[in-house]
Amino acid sequence: MKSIETIVTVSPDGKFTVQLPPDIPAGEHQAIIVIDEIPLQETLKDKERIKTLKFSAYPVGLSDQKFTFRREDLYADG
């Protein structure tokens, strides 16, 4: 069984065409089609309306001025 996720355009008469990968052999196959109830353009508009959260910066500083988060300090043996 293969799972293929793609975007399709449904025509006014309710038909759409799907391009399958070349490794699917010709012939009849059983398939399951799941269609979102809301068209993609409408969901994109909803996402544009959602405001992004803005967090204010809060300087905390280093716990110790000697600790610099250098790679050599993080992975030092011993």
C-alpha atoms as a PDB file:
ATOM      1  CA  MET A   1       0.000   0.000   0.000  1.00  0.00           C
ATOM      2  CA  LYS A   2       1.266   3.481  -0.852  1.00  0.00           C
ATOM      3  CA  SER A   3       0.177   6.808   0.570  1.00  0.00           C
ATOM      4  CA  ILE A   4       0.280   9.764  -1.826  1.00  0.00           C
ATOM      5  CA  GLU A   5      -0.424  13.293  -0.618  1.00  0.00           C
ATOM      6  CA  THR A   6      -0.990  15.910  -3.309  1.00  0.00           C
ATOM      7  CA  ILE A   7      -3.098  18.942  -4.158  1.00  0.00           C
ATOM      8  CA  VAL A   8      -5.898  18.473  -6.698  1.00  0.00           C
ATOM      9  CA  THR A   9      -8.217  20.866  -8.493  1.00  0.00           C
ATOM     10  CA  VAL A  10     -11.838  19.775  -8.578  1.00  0.00           C
ATOM     11  CA  SER A  11     -13.719  20.905 -11.680  1.00  0.00           C
ATOM     12  CA  PRO A  12     -17.313  22.236 -11.483  1.00  0.00           C
ATOM     13  CA  ASP A  13     -18.593  18.832 -12.630  1.00  0.00           C
ATOM     14  CA  GLY A  14     -16.840  17.152  -9.665  1.00  0.00           C
ATOM     15  CA  LYS A  15     -13.900  15.543 -11.513  1.00  0.00           C
ATOM     16  CA  PHE A  16     -10.168  15.716 -10.901  1.00  0.00           C
ATOM     17  CA  THR A  17      -7.082  14.098 -12.409  1.00  0.00           C
ATOM     18  CA  VAL A  18      -4.189  12.670 -10.400  1.00  0.00           C
ATOM     19  CA  GLN A  19      -0.650  12.126 -11.660  1.00  0.00           C
ATOM     20  CA  LEU A  20       0.704   8.989  -9.970  1.00  0.00           C
ATOM     21  CA  PRO A  21       4.348   8.012  -9.513  1.00  0.00           C
ATOM     22  CA  PRO A  22       5.767   5.846 -12.329  1.00  0.00           C
ATOM     23  CA  ASP A  23       6.175   2.799 -10.051  1.00  0.00           C
ATOM     24  CA  ILE A  24       2.376   2.291  -9.842  1.00  0.00           C
ATOM     25  CA  PRO A  25       1.462  -0.398 -12.399  1.00  0.00           C
ATOM     26  CA  ALA A  26      -1.367   0.141 -14.879  1.00  0.00           C
ATOM     27  CA  GLY A  27      -4.717  -1.463 -14.109  1.00  0.00           C
ATOM     28  CA  GLU A  28      -7.506  -1.175 -11.570  1.00  0.00           C
ATOM     29  CA  HIS A  29      -6.523  -0.327  -8.006  1.00  0.00           C
ATOM     30  CA  GLN A  30      -8.489   0.185  -4.825  1.00  0.00           C
ATOM     31  CA  ALA A  31      -7.969   3.755  -3.566  1.00  0.00           C
ATOM     32  CA  ILE A  32      -9.173   5.903  -0.689  1.00  0.00           C
ATOM     33  CA  ILE A  33      -9.684   9.610  -1.326  1.00  0.00           C
ATOM     34  CA  VAL A  34      -9.941  12.078   1.553  1.00  0.00           C
ATOM     35  CA  ILE A  35     -11.039  15.613   0.623  1.00  0.00           C
ATOM     36  CA  ASP A  36     -10.982  18.569   3.018  1.00  0.00           C
ATOM     37  CA  GLU A  37     -14.417  20.185   3.191  1.00  0.00           C
ATOM     38  CA  ILE A  38     -12.929  23.674   2.862  1.00  0.00           C
ATOM     39  CA  PRO A  39     -11.050  24.567  -0.358  1.00  0.00           C
ATOM     40  CA  LEU A  40      -7.345  25.299   0.017  1.00  0.00           C
ATOM     41  CA  GLN A  41      -7.663  29.006  -0.897  1.00  0.00           C
ATOM     42  CA  GLU A  42     -10.057  29.562   2.024  1.00  0.00           C
ATOM     43  CA  THR A  43      -7.778  27.816   4.522  1.00  0.00           C
ATOM     44  CA  LEU A  44      -4.828  29.912   3.310  1.00  0.00           C
ATOM     45  CA  LYS A  45      -6.874  33.075   3.866  1.00  0.00           C
ATOM     46  CA  ASP A  46      -7.644  31.911   7.413  1.00  0.00           C
ATOM     47  CA  LYS A  47      -3.948  31.349   8.108  1.00  0.00           C
ATOM     48  CA  GLU A  48      -3.160  34.871   6.894  1.00  0.00           C
ATOM     49  CA  ARG A  49      -5.662  36.276   9.422  1.00  0.00           C
ATOM     50  CA  ILE A  50      -3.981  34.555  12.354  1.00  0.00           C
ATOM     51  CA  LYS A  51      -1.643  36.993  14.071  1.00  0.00           C
ATOM     52  CA  THR A  52       1.822  35.877  15.015  1.00  0.00           C
ATOM     53  CA  LEU A  53       2.714  36.086  18.641  1.00  0.00           C
ATOM     54  CA  LYS A  54       5.391  38.632  19.491  1.00  0.00           C
ATOM     55  CA  PHE A  55       7.476  38.031  22.586  1.00  0.00           C
ATOM     56  CA  SER A  56       9.441  40.837  24.158  1.00  0.00           C
ATOM     57  CA  ALA A  57      13.134  40.291  24.727  1.00  0.00           C
ATOM     58  CA  TYR A  58      14.193  39.695  28.294  1.00  0.00           C
ATOM     59  CA  PRO A  59      17.958  39.874  28.788  1.00  0.00           C
ATOM     60  CA  VAL A  60      19.104  37.278  31.287  1.00  0.00           C
ATOM     61  CA  GLY A  61      22.853  37.450  30.729  1.00  0.00           C
ATOM     62  CA  LEU A  62      25.292  34.621  31.269  1.00  0.00           C
ATOM     63  CA  SER A  63      25.268  32.759  34.566  1.00  0.00           C
ATOM     64  CA  ASP A  64      29.056  32.967  34.668  1.00  0.00           C
ATOM     65  CA  GLN A  65      31.116  35.327  32.527  1.00  0.00           C
ATOM     66  CA  LYS A  66      33.738  32.591  32.045  1.00  0.00           C
ATOM     67  CA  PHE A  67      31.212  30.260  30.392  1.00  0.00           C
ATOM     68  CA  THR A  68      30.976  31.250  26.728  1.00  0.00           C
ATOM     69  CA  PHE A  69      29.117  28.295  25.173  1.00  0.00           C
ATOM     70  CA  ARG A  70      32.080  27.642  22.888  1.00  0.00           C
ATOM     71  CA  ARG A  71      32.187  24.212  21.326  1.00  0.00           C
ATOM     72  CA  GLU A  72      35.512  23.559  23.034  1.00  0.00           C
ATOM     73  CA  ASP A  73      33.942  24.284  26.421  1.00  0.00           C
ATOM     74  CA  LEU A  74      30.857  22.142  25.804  1.00  0.00           C
ATOM     75  CA  TYR A  75      32.669  19.042  24.525  1.00  0.00           C
ATOM     76  CA  ALA A  76      35.864  19.200  26.579  1.00  0.00           C
ATOM     77  CA  ASP A  77      37.094  15.842  27.876  1.00  0.00           C
ATOM     78  CA  GLY A  78      37.513  15.678  31.559  1.00  0.00           C
END
